Amino acid sequence: MKRKNHWKDLLYFSSTERRALSLLLGLLVALCILLAIAPPKGGKLESTTASVSPLLPQRPPKYPRQEKFAPGTKVELNAADTSTLKKVPGIGSSYARRIVGYRRLLGGFYAVSQLRELYGMDEERFLSLKDWFYVETSLLRPLAVNRLTADSLAKHPYLSYRQSKAIYRLRKQKGRLEGWNNLILLDEFTEIDRQRLAAYLSFR
């Protein structure tokens, strides 16, 4: 009788012990399932993947690497489009668009140094870029001083609306302007203005 009671005591579990045992069994089952579905390490899966991957189509990179010019290349600043400009080391899409946009407003560059006037262009960046460029001044598109209205003249970056109105008024008085000898007498223009605008004003 004592022996029977002894075995019953061994097989008896309290409610707390039964919950703990159930939790342990659940964890063991979950671990077994995870081990069953996990891919083997260094086995057939790797070799299968290696043999199949060359047959899959290769997706092109989202942002392809931009081809750049070799050192010593020279780019004509008044003719280069954005695609050409982006091949210059240090110039991306943003700066290429700024150069082309500012060139359009100016009517062309008469000197590489005008790149300093671009928004965001600091001296360090300019010094790294200037040797890549040269300019052909024959490609400039000057303003026809004797034909354009004051509003049209004022669109040029180097001309204020006040200066454009002064040109227009003087032209009305004289009928036709012959050259800078007419404008330099106006209070609105300085010698610095003459130097900046000489390449952009046509009196024909």
C-alpha atoms as a PDB file:
ATOM      1  CA  MET A   1       0.000   0.000   0.000  1.00  0.00           C
ATOM      2  CA  LYS A   2       2.799   2.359   0.816  1.00  0.00           C
ATOM      3  CA  ARG A   3       4.448   1.583  -2.531  1.00  0.00           C
ATOM      4  CA  LYS A   4       1.267   2.446  -4.427  1.00  0.00           C
ATOM      5  CA  ASN A   5       0.930   5.729  -2.595  1.00  0.00           C
ATOM      6  CA  HIS A   6       4.580   6.441  -3.371  1.00  0.00           C
ATOM      7  CA  TRP A   7       4.025   6.142  -7.165  1.00  0.00           C
ATOM      8  CA  LYS A   8       0.880   8.248  -7.001  1.00  0.00           C
ATOM      9  CA  ASP A   9       2.843  10.975  -5.289  1.00  0.00           C
ATOM     10  CA  LEU A  10       5.462  10.907  -8.047  1.00  0.00           C
ATOM     11  CA  LEU A  11       2.852  11.246 -10.815  1.00  0.00           C
ATOM     12  CA  TYR A  12       0.798  13.921  -9.106  1.00  0.00           C
ATOM     13  CA  PHE A  13       1.193  17.553 -10.334  1.00  0.00           C
ATOM     14  CA  SER A  14      -0.320  20.629  -8.864  1.00  0.00           C
ATOM     15  CA  SER A  15      -2.180  23.093 -11.122  1.00  0.00           C
ATOM     16  CA  THR A  16       0.844  25.448 -11.151  1.00  0.00           C
ATOM     17  CA  GLU A  17       3.184  22.628 -12.134  1.00  0.00           C
ATOM     18  CA  ARG A  18       0.813  21.513 -14.881  1.00  0.00           C
ATOM     19  CA  ARG A  19       0.747  25.040 -16.374  1.00  0.00           C
ATOM     20  CA  ALA A  20       4.525  25.252 -16.264  1.00  0.00           C
ATOM     21  CA  LEU A  21       4.852  21.848 -17.911  1.00  0.00           C
ATOM     22  CA  SER A  22       2.372  22.818 -20.643  1.00  0.00           C
ATOM     23  CA  LEU A  23       4.298  26.020 -21.335  1.00  0.00           C
ATOM     24  CA  LEU A  24       7.578  24.111 -21.563  1.00  0.00           C
ATOM     25  CA  LEU A  25       6.094  21.564 -23.972  1.00  0.00           C
ATOM     26  CA  GLY A  26       4.692  24.409 -26.112  1.00  0.00           C
ATOM     27  CA  LEU A  27       8.112  26.042 -26.332  1.00  0.00           C
ATOM     28  CA  LEU A  28       9.715  22.743 -27.320  1.00  0.00           C
ATOM     29  CA  VAL A  29       7.153  22.201 -30.080  1.00  0.00           C
ATOM     30  CA  ALA A  30       7.658  25.752 -31.404  1.00  0.00           C
ATOM     31  CA  LEU A  31      11.435  25.252 -31.400  1.00  0.00           C
ATOM     32  CA  CYS A  32      11.088  22.043 -33.351  1.00  0.00           C
ATOM     33  CA  ILE A  33       8.886  23.739 -35.949  1.00  0.00           C
ATOM     34  CA  LEU A  34      11.360  26.613 -36.377  1.00  0.00           C
ATOM     35  CA  LEU A  35      14.252  24.189 -36.834  1.00  0.00           C
ATOM     36  CA  ALA A  36      12.243  22.263 -39.408  1.00  0.00           C
ATOM     37  CA  ILE A  37      11.446  25.268 -41.616  1.00  0.00           C
ATOM     38  CA  ALA A  38      14.771  27.150 -41.253  1.00  0.00           C
ATOM     39  CA  PRO A  39      17.077  26.874 -44.332  1.00  0.00           C
ATOM     40  CA  PRO A  40      20.158  24.710 -43.845  1.00  0.00           C
ATOM     41  CA  LYS A  41      23.491  26.470 -43.512  1.00  0.00           C
ATOM     42  CA  GLY A  42      25.979  26.021 -46.351  1.00  0.00           C
ATOM     43  CA  GLY A  43      24.037  23.129 -47.791  1.00  0.00           C
ATOM     44  CA  LYS A  44      21.949  22.524 -50.857  1.00  0.00           C
ATOM     45  CA  LEU A  45      20.108  25.833 -50.669  1.00  0.00           C
ATOM     46  CA  GLU A  46      23.251  27.878 -51.328  1.00  0.00           C
ATOM     47  CA  SER A  47      24.353  25.709 -54.198  1.00  0.00           C
ATOM     48  CA  THR A  48      20.865  25.805 -55.728  1.00  0.00           C
ATOM     49  CA  THR A  49      20.716  29.575 -55.467  1.00  0.00           C
ATOM     50  CA  ALA A  50      24.150  29.924 -57.002  1.00  0.00           C
ATOM     51  CA  SER A  51      23.204  27.763 -59.948  1.00  0.00           C
ATOM     52  CA  VAL A  52      19.935  29.583 -60.626  1.00  0.00           C
ATOM     53  CA  SER A  53      20.920  33.250 -60.050  1.00  0.00           C
ATOM     54  CA  PRO A  54      22.890  33.681 -63.318  1.00  0.00           C
ATOM     55  CA  LEU A  55      19.687  32.871 -65.208  1.00  0.00           C
ATOM     56  CA  LEU A  56      17.708  35.664 -63.543  1.00  0.00           C
ATOM     57  CA  PRO A  57      17.490  39.032 -65.376  1.00  0.00           C
ATOM     58  CA  GLN A  58      19.797  41.647 -63.897  1.00  0.00           C
ATOM     59  CA  ARG A  59      17.971  44.785 -62.712  1.00  0.00           C
ATOM     60  CA  PRO A  60      19.758  47.975 -63.801  1.00  0.00           C
ATOM     61  CA  PRO A  61      20.875  50.259 -60.954  1.00  0.00           C
ATOM     62  CA  LYS A  62      18.325  52.910 -59.979  1.00  0.00           C
ATOM     63  CA  TYR A  63      20.872  55.702 -60.380  1.00  0.00           C
ATOM     64  CA  PRO A  64      23.444  54.706 -63.032  1.00  0.00           C
ATOM     65  CA  ARG A  65      26.937  56.027 -62.504  1.00  0.00           C
ATOM     66  CA  GLN A  66      27.565  59.159 -64.553  1.00  0.00           C
ATOM     67  CA  GLU A  67      30.462  58.907 -66.991  1.00  0.00           C
ATOM     68  CA  LYS A  68      33.010  61.675 -66.365  1.00  0.00           C
ATOM     69  CA  PHE A  69      35.513  63.369 -68.662  1.00  0.00           C
ATOM     70  CA  ALA A  70      39.176  62.494 -68.417  1.00  0.00           C
ATOM     71  CA  PRO A  71      41.527  65.066 -66.864  1.00  0.00           C
ATOM     72  CA  GLY A  72      42.615  67.687 -69.390  1.00  0.00           C
ATOM     73  CA  THR A  73      39.284  67.761 -71.238  1.00  0.00           C
ATOM     74  CA  LYS A  74      38.060  71.259 -72.123  1.00  0.00           C
ATOM     75  CA  VAL A  75      34.357  72.098 -72.421  1.00  0.00           C
ATOM     76  CA  GLU A  76      33.008  75.158 -74.269  1.00  0.00           C
ATOM     77  CA  LEU A  77      30.774  76.841 -71.691  1.00  0.00           C
ATOM     78  CA  ASN A  78      28.341  78.493 -74.120  1.00  0.00           C
ATOM     79  CA  ALA A  79      27.510  75.384 -76.141  1.00  0.00           C
ATOM     80  CA  ALA A  80      27.480  72.562 -73.561  1.00  0.00           C
ATOM     81  CA  ASP A  81      24.082  71.121 -72.658  1.00  0.00           C
ATOM     82  CA  THR A  82      23.232  69.601 -69.278  1.00  0.00           C
ATOM     83  CA  SER A  83      24.325  66.109 -70.354  1.00  0.00           C
ATOM     84  CA  THR A  84      27.764  67.407 -71.312  1.00  0.00           C
ATOM     85  CA  LEU A  85      28.092  69.530 -68.173  1.00  0.00           C
ATOM     86  CA  LYS A  86      27.309  66.554 -65.924  1.00  0.00           C
ATOM     87  CA  LYS A  87      30.363  64.773 -67.308  1.00  0.00           C
ATOM     88  CA  VAL A  88      32.590  67.392 -65.682  1.00  0.00           C
ATOM     89  CA  PRO A  89      33.771  66.146 -62.268  1.00  0.00           C
ATOM     90  CA  GLY A  90      32.037  68.110 -59.533  1.00  0.00           C
ATOM     91  CA  ILE A  91      28.920  68.954 -61.566  1.00  0.00           C
ATOM     92  CA  GLY A  92      25.662  67.085 -61.028  1.00  0.00           C
ATOM     93  CA  SER A  93      22.152  67.622 -62.356  1.00  0.00           C
ATOM     94  CA  SER A  94      21.433  70.618 -60.124  1.00  0.00           C
ATOM     95  CA  TYR A  95      24.524  72.629 -61.085  1.00  0.00           C
ATOM     96  CA  ALA A  96      24.179  71.679 -64.748  1.00  0.00           C
ATOM     97  CA  ARG A  97      20.654  73.129 -64.790  1.00  0.00           C
ATOM     98  CA  ARG A  98      21.806  76.280 -62.977  1.00  0.00           C
ATOM     99  CA  ILE A  99      24.601  76.877 -65.481  1.00  0.00           C
ATOM    100  CA  VAL A 100      22.295  76.461 -68.479  1.00  0.00           C
ATOM    101  CA  GLY A 101      19.558  78.617 -66.896  1.00  0.00           C
ATOM    102  CA  TYR A 102      21.918  81.447 -65.986  1.00  0.00           C
ATOM    103  CA  ARG A 103      23.561  81.290 -69.403  1.00  0.00           C
ATOM    104  CA  ARG A 104      20.144  81.729 -70.997  1.00  0.00           C
ATOM    105  CA  LEU A 105      19.413  84.815 -68.895  1.00  0.00           C
ATOM    106  CA  LEU A 106      22.801  86.364 -69.627  1.00  0.00           C
ATOM    107  CA  GLY A 107      22.816  85.608 -73.317  1.00  0.00           C
ATOM    108  CA  GLY A 108      25.972  83.546 -72.859  1.00  0.00           C
ATOM    109  CA  PHE A 109      29.136  83.740 -70.793  1.00  0.00           C
ATOM    110  CA  TYR A 110      31.954  86.052 -71.834  1.00  0.00           C
ATOM    111  CA  ALA A 111      34.301  84.669 -69.131  1.00  0.00           C
ATOM    112  CA  VAL A 112      34.584  81.475 -67.113  1.00  0.00           C
ATOM    113  CA  SER A 113      34.804  83.644 -63.978  1.00  0.00           C
ATOM    114  CA  GLN A 114      31.071  84.369 -64.323  1.00  0.00           C
ATOM    115  CA  LEU A 115      30.415  80.925 -62.881  1.00  0.00           C
ATOM    116  CA  ARG A 116      31.170  82.528 -59.508  1.00  0.00           C
ATOM    117  CA  GLU A 117      27.789  84.257 -59.798  1.00  0.00           C
ATOM    118  CA  LEU A 118      25.823  81.005 -59.732  1.00  0.00           C
ATOM    119  CA  TYR A 119      23.687  80.351 -56.669  1.00  0.00           C
ATOM    120  CA  GLY A 120      25.547  78.029 -54.288  1.00  0.00           C
ATOM    121  CA  MET A 121      28.916  78.420 -56.036  1.00  0.00           C
ATOM    122  CA  ASP A 122      31.618  78.966 -53.433  1.00  0.00           C
ATOM    123  CA  GLU A 123      35.236  79.794 -54.207  1.00  0.00           C
ATOM    124  CA  GLU A 124      36.489  76.274 -53.529  1.00  0.00           C
ATOM    125  CA  ARG A 125      34.047  74.722 -55.974  1.00  0.00           C
ATOM    126  CA  PHE A 126      34.755  77.380 -58.596  1.00  0.00           C
ATOM    127  CA  LEU A 127      38.512  76.772 -58.399  1.00  0.00           C
ATOM    128  CA  SER A 128      37.927  73.038 -58.878  1.00  0.00           C
ATOM    129  CA  LEU A 129      35.778  73.663 -61.988  1.00  0.00           C
ATOM    130  CA  LYS A 130      37.305  76.624 -63.822  1.00  0.00           C
ATOM    131  CA  ASP A 131      40.071  74.703 -65.619  1.00  0.00           C
ATOM    132  CA  TRP A 132      37.522  72.440 -67.321  1.00  0.00           C
ATOM    133  CA  PHE A 133      35.984  75.311 -69.314  1.00  0.00           C
ATOM    134  CA  TYR A 134      36.674  77.914 -71.979  1.00  0.00           C
ATOM    135  CA  VAL A 135      34.320  80.347 -73.715  1.00  0.00           C
ATOM    136  CA  GLU A 136      33.672  81.359 -77.304  1.00  0.00           C
ATOM    137  CA  THR A 137      32.418  84.952 -77.151  1.00  0.00           C
ATOM    138  CA  SER A 138      31.152  84.656 -80.734  1.00  0.00           C
ATOM    139  CA  LEU A 139      28.273  82.605 -79.285  1.00  0.00           C
ATOM    140  CA  LEU A 140      26.993  85.497 -77.142  1.00  0.00           C
ATOM    141  CA  ARG A 141      23.485  86.832 -77.854  1.00  0.00           C
ATOM    142  CA  PRO A 142      23.588  90.607 -77.118  1.00  0.00           C
ATOM    143  CA  LEU A 143      20.563  92.779 -76.378  1.00  0.00           C
ATOM    144  CA  ALA A 144      19.329  95.070 -79.125  1.00  0.00           C
ATOM    145  CA  VAL A 145      19.338  98.335 -77.147  1.00  0.00           C
ATOM    146  CA  ASN A 146      17.611 100.350 -79.898  1.00  0.00           C
ATOM    147  CA  ARG A 147      14.701  97.941 -80.315  1.00  0.00           C
ATOM    148  CA  LEU A 148      13.842  96.358 -76.934  1.00  0.00           C
ATOM    149  CA  THR A 149      11.408  97.762 -74.403  1.00  0.00           C
ATOM    150  CA  ALA A 150      12.455  98.671 -70.861  1.00  0.00           C
ATOM    151  CA  ASP A 151      10.743  95.537 -69.513  1.00  0.00           C
ATOM    152  CA  SER A 152      12.665  93.306 -71.920  1.00  0.00           C
ATOM    153  CA  LEU A 153      15.988  94.962 -71.085  1.00  0.00           C
ATOM    154  CA  ALA A 154      15.315  94.597 -67.343  1.00  0.00           C
ATOM    155  CA  LYS A 155      15.211  90.788 -67.652  1.00  0.00           C
ATOM    156  CA  HIS A 156      18.988  90.748 -68.030  1.00  0.00           C
ATOM    157  CA  PRO A 157      20.769  89.906 -64.729  1.00  0.00           C
ATOM    158  CA  TYR A 158      23.139  92.869 -65.088  1.00  0.00           C
ATOM    159  CA  LEU A 159      20.451  95.501 -65.735  1.00  0.00           C
ATOM    160  CA  SER A 160      18.129  96.911 -63.098  1.00  0.00           C
ATOM    161  CA  TYR A 161      14.698  98.197 -64.024  1.00  0.00           C
ATOM    162  CA  ARG A 162      15.893 101.734 -63.204  1.00  0.00           C
ATOM    163  CA  GLN A 163      18.761 101.408 -65.674  1.00  0.00           C
ATOM    164  CA  SER A 164      16.484  99.893 -68.312  1.00  0.00           C
ATOM    165  CA  LYS A 165      14.060 102.810 -67.988  1.00  0.00           C
ATOM    166  CA  ALA A 166      16.965 105.257 -68.314  1.00  0.00           C
ATOM    167  CA  ILE A 167      18.074 103.583 -71.546  1.00  0.00           C
ATOM    168  CA  TYR A 168      14.533 103.658 -72.892  1.00  0.00           C
ATOM    169  CA  ARG A 169      14.032 107.351 -72.043  1.00  0.00           C
ATOM    170  CA  LEU A 170      17.370 108.326 -73.595  1.00  0.00           C
ATOM    171  CA  ARG A 171      16.539 106.390 -76.729  1.00  0.00           C
ATOM    172  CA  LYS A 172      13.228 108.258 -76.991  1.00  0.00           C
ATOM    173  CA  GLN A 173      15.077 111.549 -76.715  1.00  0.00           C
ATOM    174  CA  LYS A 174      17.837 110.798 -79.203  1.00  0.00           C
ATOM    175  CA  GLY A 175      15.953 108.519 -81.523  1.00  0.00           C
ATOM    176  CA  ARG A 176      18.851 106.113 -81.581  1.00  0.00           C
ATOM    177  CA  LEU A 177      21.747 105.309 -79.255  1.00  0.00           C
ATOM    178  CA  GLU A 178      25.146 105.007 -80.893  1.00  0.00           C
ATOM    179  CA  GLY A 179      27.155 103.319 -78.135  1.00  0.00           C
ATOM    180  CA  TRP A 180      28.412 103.453 -74.596  1.00  0.00           C
ATOM    181  CA  ASN A 181      29.374 107.085 -75.038  1.00  0.00           C
ATOM    182  CA  ASN A 182      25.626 107.779 -74.692  1.00  0.00           C
ATOM    183  CA  LEU A 183      25.060 105.627 -71.604  1.00  0.00           C
ATOM    184  CA  ILE A 184      28.151 106.473 -69.583  1.00  0.00           C
ATOM    185  CA  LEU A 185      26.849 110.039 -69.146  1.00  0.00           C
ATOM    186  CA  LEU A 186      23.769 108.726 -67.305  1.00  0.00           C
ATOM    187  CA  ASP A 187      23.873 108.700 -63.502  1.00  0.00           C
ATOM    188  CA  GLU A 188      22.452 105.174 -63.513  1.00  0.00           C
ATOM    189  CA  PHE A 189      25.628 103.680 -65.045  1.00  0.00           C
ATOM    190  CA  THR A 190      29.143 103.380 -63.641  1.00  0.00           C
ATOM    191  CA  GLU A 191      32.394 102.252 -65.179  1.00  0.00           C
ATOM    192  CA  ILE A 192      31.876  98.855 -63.529  1.00  0.00           C
ATOM    193  CA  ASP A 193      28.495  98.593 -65.246  1.00  0.00           C
ATOM    194  CA  ARG A 194      30.118  99.375 -68.565  1.00  0.00           C
ATOM    195  CA  GLN A 195      32.688  96.613 -68.062  1.00  0.00           C
ATOM    196  CA  ARG A 196      30.030  94.054 -67.128  1.00  0.00           C
ATOM    197  CA  LEU A 197      27.579  95.018 -69.879  1.00  0.00           C
ATOM    198  CA  ALA A 198      29.919  95.818 -72.772  1.00  0.00           C
ATOM    199  CA  ALA A 199      29.578  92.306 -74.197  1.00  0.00           C
ATOM    200  CA  TYR A 200      25.785  92.243 -73.831  1.00  0.00           C
ATOM    201  CA  LEU A 201      24.552  95.514 -75.331  1.00  0.00           C
ATOM    202  CA  SER A 202      24.302  95.898 -79.073  1.00  0.00           C
ATOM    203  CA  PHE A 203      23.709  99.396 -80.533  1.00  0.00           C
ATOM    204  CA  ARG A 204      23.171  98.303 -84.113  1.00  0.00           C
END
